[in-house]
Structures are given as C-alpha cells and as structure tokens.
Amino acid sequence: MPTSIIVISDTHLHKWSEVHPEIRKAVSEADIAVHCGDFVREDVLRGFRTEAKQSVVVHGNTDPPEMRRNIPYVEILSVEQVKIGITHPAWGGPEFPPEDLISDFEENVDVIVFGHLHETLNEIIGDILYVNPGQAYSSFMVAATIAKIYVDSDQVSAEIVTIVPAH
C-alpha cells in the first residue's frame, strides 16, 4: 500500500482551528503531513504537529524569529526509496524557475515540495518532481489548495486538491 503524504503551506492564520476542516482532516488521515512554512503563529504549528501522525515542517519568511530559530529552513524526508526535499524559498522573488530550488539541498532529491509563491505546481522538470501545494487558506478569488503525494517503493505521484470554502 502506498505511503500517503499531505503537503500544505502558507497557512497565514492565527489558530489551527481556523484552518479549513477538510485540510485538518487530511492532515490527520495522512501517513505523513508536511508543512512548507509560513505558519505565522505558534498555535498553527502546534495544532499541525498534534493532528498529524508524523509531521515534517520547515519555516517560512513570515514566521516569527523564534519559530524560525526552532524550525529548520530545509528538510529531507526519505520515504521508501524516494527522497523528498522540503523548503520555503524565502530568497525567491515573485517568480523563479523551480530548478533554482535544487541549490537549497546538500544531497540529490527525487521530489522538491515548497511554499512561498502561493501558486500550485505539480510538474516534472528534468528528473525531479516539483510540488507547490499553493496556499492553505481561501482568499479573495483564490481557493485553498493542498497537495497529496503517494509513494510506492520508488514510484511517486502527486495531485493538487482544491478545498471548497466552508459556508
């Protein structure tokens, strides 16, 4: 059975309870939950870690200084035979080629998941799968999105899921 990984980023909320219920449920049901930074508040980080069976987190550029000191900038997650690099490229401007992210990692990775841009991406460039889950909150004209990644031995697949706003 494949390993399921939920990837979220850029929650930009004050409390974990403000995160959409479908996102919180996805985090709790996944084998591994990854947050690519910009929690913004400690309560969101705590809630994410509590809800997840296994959590992997990196900090973002809008996270408070103390949070940035206590959470790594990059992580590498090994799942079966796949290495997943995780980052929130605060050095990036509004747009940059995803391949620029390779330099964030000291070893070769098969997948790079990242936040910061609030734009979804699910694309293989070269030999690397790049996944940006978008933003984990709804804003004017932009729905919340998350990524689901499945790893089975050395095979990886990913999909972007749009979260319908709660009414």
Protein backbone atom coordinates (compact mmCIF):
# COMPACT_ATOMS: atom_id res chain seq x y z
CA MET A 1 0.00 0.00 0.00
CA PRO A 2 1.46 3.40 -0.93
CA THR A 3 2.52 5.90 1.71
CA SER A 4 0.22 8.95 1.68
CA ILE A 5 1.70 12.39 2.26
CA ILE A 6 -0.32 15.58 2.63
CA VAL A 7 1.56 18.78 1.85
CA ILE A 8 0.30 22.20 2.92
CA SER A 9 1.92 25.59 3.01
CA ASP A 10 1.31 29.23 3.73
CA THR A 11 -1.50 28.86 6.26
CA HIS A 12 -1.13 32.52 7.32
CA LEU A 13 -3.64 32.04 10.13
CA HIS A 14 -3.60 32.72 13.87
CA LYS A 15 -5.15 29.47 15.13
CA TRP A 16 -5.12 25.85 13.95
CA SER A 17 -8.91 25.81 14.44
CA GLU A 18 -9.16 28.44 11.65
CA VAL A 19 -7.67 26.01 9.12
CA HIS A 20 -10.40 24.54 6.90
CA PRO A 21 -11.85 21.33 8.42
CA GLU A 22 -11.08 19.33 5.24
CA ILE A 23 -7.41 20.32 5.49
CA ARG A 24 -7.25 19.40 9.18
CA LYS A 25 -8.88 16.05 8.36
CA ALA A 26 -6.43 15.39 5.50
CA VAL A 27 -3.51 16.15 7.84
CA SER A 28 -4.83 13.72 10.46
CA GLU A 29 -5.50 10.91 7.96
CA ALA A 30 -2.22 11.02 6.02
CA ASP A 31 0.69 8.76 6.91
CA ILE A 32 2.92 11.87 6.85
CA ALA A 33 1.95 15.54 6.91
CA VAL A 34 4.35 18.18 5.57
CA HIS A 35 4.06 21.93 6.13
CA CYS A 36 6.24 24.09 3.86
CA GLY A 37 6.32 27.13 6.14
CA ASP A 38 4.52 30.38 6.86
CA PHE A 39 2.52 29.06 9.80
CA VAL A 40 2.58 32.65 11.10
CA ARG A 41 1.55 31.66 14.64
CA GLU A 42 2.75 29.05 17.13
CA ASP A 43 -0.82 27.75 17.61
CA VAL A 44 -0.95 26.67 13.95
CA LEU A 45 2.40 24.86 14.24
CA ARG A 46 1.32 23.15 17.47
CA GLY A 47 -2.05 22.12 16.03
CA PHE A 48 -0.45 20.79 12.85
CA ARG A 49 2.05 18.70 14.80
CA THR A 50 -0.64 17.42 17.17
CA GLU A 51 -3.06 16.49 14.39
CA ALA A 52 -0.51 14.65 12.21
CA LYS A 53 0.52 11.03 12.69
CA GLN A 54 4.01 12.11 11.59
CA SER A 55 4.85 15.73 10.80
CA VAL A 56 7.72 17.35 8.94
CA VAL A 57 7.97 21.15 8.97
CA VAL A 58 10.17 23.96 7.70
CA HIS A 59 9.91 27.66 8.48
CA GLY A 60 8.80 30.42 6.16
CA ASN A 61 9.75 34.05 5.77
CA THR A 62 6.68 35.36 7.64
CA ASP A 63 7.15 33.07 10.64
CA PRO A 64 8.26 34.90 13.82
CA PRO A 65 12.03 34.93 14.58
CA GLU A 66 11.73 32.45 17.47
CA MET A 67 9.86 29.99 15.27
CA ARG A 68 12.49 30.38 12.54
CA ARG A 69 15.20 29.59 15.09
CA ASN A 70 13.41 26.41 16.22
CA ILE A 71 12.32 25.01 12.85
CA PRO A 72 14.74 24.15 10.02
CA TYR A 73 14.83 26.04 6.72
CA VAL A 74 15.06 22.79 4.73
CA GLU A 75 14.39 19.14 5.46
CA ILE A 76 14.90 15.93 3.53
CA LEU A 77 12.32 13.23 4.06
CA SER A 78 13.12 9.67 2.96
CA VAL A 79 10.02 7.63 2.17
CA GLU A 80 10.70 4.11 0.96
CA GLN A 81 13.20 4.69 -1.90
CA VAL A 82 12.27 8.32 -2.54
CA LYS A 83 13.99 11.44 -1.16
CA ILE A 84 11.73 14.46 -0.76
CA GLY A 85 13.31 17.89 -0.25
CA ILE A 86 11.17 20.40 1.66
CA THR A 87 11.74 24.17 1.66
CA HIS A 88 10.17 27.61 1.79
CA PRO A 89 12.48 29.59 -0.50
CA ALA A 90 12.37 32.99 1.17
CA TRP A 91 15.22 34.08 -1.12
CA GLY A 92 12.84 33.75 -4.09
CA GLY A 93 11.18 36.76 -5.61
CA PRO A 94 7.69 36.77 -7.09
CA GLU A 95 8.64 34.14 -9.68
CA PHE A 96 11.69 31.99 -10.24
CA PRO A 97 12.43 28.78 -12.12
CA PRO A 98 11.67 25.79 -9.86
CA GLU A 99 15.08 24.31 -10.75
CA ASP A 100 16.68 27.09 -8.65
CA LEU A 101 15.45 25.16 -5.57
CA ILE A 102 17.98 22.37 -6.14
CA SER A 103 20.69 24.52 -4.53
CA ASP A 104 18.74 24.53 -1.22
CA PHE A 105 19.66 20.86 -0.71
CA GLU A 106 23.04 19.31 0.04
CA GLU A 107 22.08 15.96 -1.47
CA ASN A 108 20.16 14.80 -4.52
CA VAL A 109 16.39 14.56 -4.12
CA ASP A 110 13.67 12.98 -6.24
CA VAL A 111 10.91 15.43 -5.24
CA ILE A 112 11.01 19.05 -4.09
CA VAL A 113 7.99 20.41 -2.21
CA PHE A 114 7.96 24.11 -1.47
CA GLY A 115 5.82 27.04 -0.43
CA HIS A 116 6.18 30.82 -0.63
CA LEU A 117 4.64 31.54 -4.04
CA HIS A 118 1.01 30.64 -3.15
CA GLU A 119 0.79 29.15 -6.68
CA THR A 120 0.21 25.45 -7.20
CA LEU A 121 2.70 23.42 -9.19
CA ASN A 122 2.85 19.69 -9.95
CA GLU A 123 5.44 19.21 -12.66
CA ILE A 124 8.43 17.04 -13.50
CA ILE A 125 11.39 19.10 -14.67
CA GLY A 126 14.46 17.09 -15.54
CA ASP A 127 14.37 14.13 -13.17
CA ILE A 128 12.73 15.96 -10.26
CA LEU A 129 9.04 16.28 -9.39
CA TYR A 130 8.29 19.81 -8.14
CA VAL A 131 5.19 20.27 -6.00
CA ASN A 132 3.87 23.51 -4.55
CA PRO A 133 0.57 22.95 -2.71
CA GLY A 134 -0.43 26.62 -3.04
CA GLN A 135 -1.97 28.34 -0.04
CA ALA A 136 -3.85 26.55 2.75
CA TYR A 137 -6.41 29.33 3.20
CA SER A 138 -9.03 30.86 0.95
CA SER A 139 -8.55 34.48 -0.02
CA PHE A 140 -10.34 36.78 -2.41
CA MET A 141 -10.77 34.88 -5.69
CA VAL A 142 -8.29 32.13 -4.65
CA ALA A 143 -9.41 28.84 -3.10
CA ALA A 144 -7.33 26.96 -0.55
CA THR A 145 -5.30 24.11 -2.04
CA ILE A 146 -3.22 21.21 -0.75
CA ALA A 147 -1.11 18.52 -2.39
CA LYS A 148 -1.42 14.77 -1.98
CA ILE A 149 1.66 12.71 -2.73
CA TYR A 150 1.75 8.94 -2.89
CA VAL A 151 4.97 6.93 -2.66
CA ASP A 152 5.05 3.25 -3.54
CA SER A 153 8.56 1.79 -3.45
CA ASP A 154 10.39 4.09 -5.89
CA GLN A 155 7.26 5.41 -7.65
CA VAL A 156 5.83 8.85 -6.83
CA SER A 157 2.62 10.54 -7.90
CA ALA A 158 1.13 13.86 -6.83
CA GLU A 159 -2.11 15.74 -7.21
CA ILE A 160 -3.31 19.20 -6.25
CA VAL A 161 -6.65 19.29 -4.40
CA THR A 162 -8.82 22.39 -4.26
CA ILE A 163 -10.63 22.87 -0.97
CA VAL A 164 -14.13 24.27 -1.36
CA PRO A 165 -14.69 27.10 1.12
CA ALA A 166 -16.92 26.24 4.06
CA HIS A 167 -20.18 28.20 4.11
